[in-house]
Protein backbone atom coordinates (compact mmCIF):
# COMPACT_ATOMS: atom_id res chain seq x y z
CA UNK A 1 62.68 123.17 95.99
CA UNK A 2 65.07 120.40 95.08
CA UNK A 3 67.46 120.28 92.18
CA UNK A 4 65.24 117.92 90.17
CA UNK A 5 62.28 120.26 90.54
CA UNK A 6 64.42 123.20 89.38
CA UNK A 7 65.43 121.26 86.26
CA UNK A 8 61.79 120.43 85.56
CA UNK A 9 60.79 124.10 85.63
CA UNK A 10 63.79 125.57 83.81
CA UNK A 11 62.99 124.17 80.36
CA UNK A 12 59.39 125.38 80.09
CA UNK A 13 60.28 128.76 81.62
CA UNK A 14 63.08 129.31 79.10
CA UNK A 15 60.91 128.12 76.20
CA UNK A 16 57.90 130.28 77.06
CA UNK A 17 59.91 133.35 78.05
CA UNK A 18 62.12 133.08 74.96
CA UNK A 19 59.02 132.89 72.77
CA UNK A 20 57.45 135.91 74.51
CA UNK A 21 60.65 137.94 74.12
CA UNK A 22 60.95 136.94 70.46
CA UNK A 23 57.42 138.08 69.56
CA UNK A 24 57.53 141.14 71.81
CA UNK A 25 54.76 140.37 74.31
CA UNK A 26 55.48 141.02 77.99
CA UNK A 27 59.11 141.46 77.02
CA UNK A 28 60.46 142.92 80.24
CA UNK A 29 58.85 140.51 82.74
CA UNK A 30 59.60 137.51 80.52
CA UNK A 31 63.21 138.58 80.04
CA UNK A 32 63.59 139.16 83.79
CA UNK A 33 62.31 135.66 84.56
CA UNK A 34 64.47 134.09 81.84
CA UNK A 35 67.57 135.98 83.00
CA UNK A 36 67.05 134.81 86.57
CA UNK A 37 66.51 131.25 85.40
CA UNK A 38 69.76 131.31 83.44
CA UNK A 39 71.64 132.77 86.42
CA UNK A 40 70.30 130.09 88.76
CA UNK A 41 71.17 127.41 86.21
CA UNK A 42 74.70 128.76 85.95
CA UNK A 43 75.24 128.86 89.71
CA UNK A 44 73.72 125.41 90.27
CA UNK A 45 75.37 123.53 87.42
CA UNK A 46 78.45 125.36 86.18
CA UNK A 47 79.86 127.43 89.03
CA UNK A 48 80.70 124.47 91.33
CA UNK A 49 82.96 122.97 88.63
CA UNK A 50 85.20 126.01 88.17
CA UNK A 51 85.10 129.78 88.64
CA UNK A 52 85.69 130.83 85.02
CA UNK A 53 82.85 130.28 82.51
CA UNK A 54 85.26 129.17 79.78
CA UNK A 55 86.59 126.35 81.95
CA UNK A 56 83.24 125.18 83.34
CA UNK A 57 81.31 125.25 80.01
CA UNK A 58 78.93 127.89 81.36
CA UNK A 59 79.69 130.59 78.81
CA UNK A 60 76.37 130.12 76.97
CA UNK A 61 74.40 130.38 80.21
CA UNK A 62 76.16 133.62 81.15
CA UNK A 63 75.70 134.98 77.63
CA UNK A 64 71.96 134.30 77.61
CA UNK A 65 71.62 135.65 81.13
CA UNK A 66 73.11 138.99 80.09
CA UNK A 67 71.20 139.10 76.78
CA UNK A 68 67.92 138.64 78.64
CA UNK A 69 69.04 141.20 81.22
CA UNK A 70 69.67 143.63 78.36
CA UNK A 71 66.07 143.11 77.20
CA UNK A 72 64.85 143.82 80.74
CA UNK A 73 66.25 147.33 80.55
CA UNK A 74 65.87 147.94 76.81
CA UNK A 75 62.35 146.64 76.32
CA UNK A 76 61.01 145.45 73.01
CA UNK A 77 61.46 148.57 70.86
CA UNK A 78 62.65 147.75 67.32
CA UNK A 79 63.88 144.27 68.10
CA UNK A 80 60.37 142.81 68.27
CA UNK A 81 58.57 141.22 65.37
CA UNK A 82 55.64 143.61 65.97
CA UNK A 83 57.75 146.68 65.20
CA UNK A 84 57.09 148.64 62.02
CA UNK A 85 59.76 147.76 59.47
CA UNK A 86 61.89 150.49 57.96
CA UNK A 87 61.04 151.44 54.36
CA UNK A 88 63.18 149.90 51.64
CA UNK A 89 63.65 153.24 49.86
CA UNK A 90 63.30 156.86 51.01
CA UNK A 91 59.76 158.20 50.88
CA UNK A 92 59.56 161.62 49.21
CA UNK A 93 58.11 164.30 51.48
CA UNK A 94 57.24 166.79 48.74
CA UNK A 95 57.02 166.87 44.95
């Protein structure tokens, strides 16, 4: 797969996987795919310029890679929009 083909697939993969992670559907597989896509993008585009992410403008790619990797191991839990919200005030258990 050439570099132009990788660029053509990266945008839709990040868009779809980011949407799936945000709504909480297939969170772990989507986050794994998005994390890998961000890592490949970093190593193809930013790493050849310089080693340090601050110097090669790849800090956002590394940040998103590790955030998606966090969701791979954490899952959707309370961060998803489908989670039950916490009550605004304490609910009495007895009268």
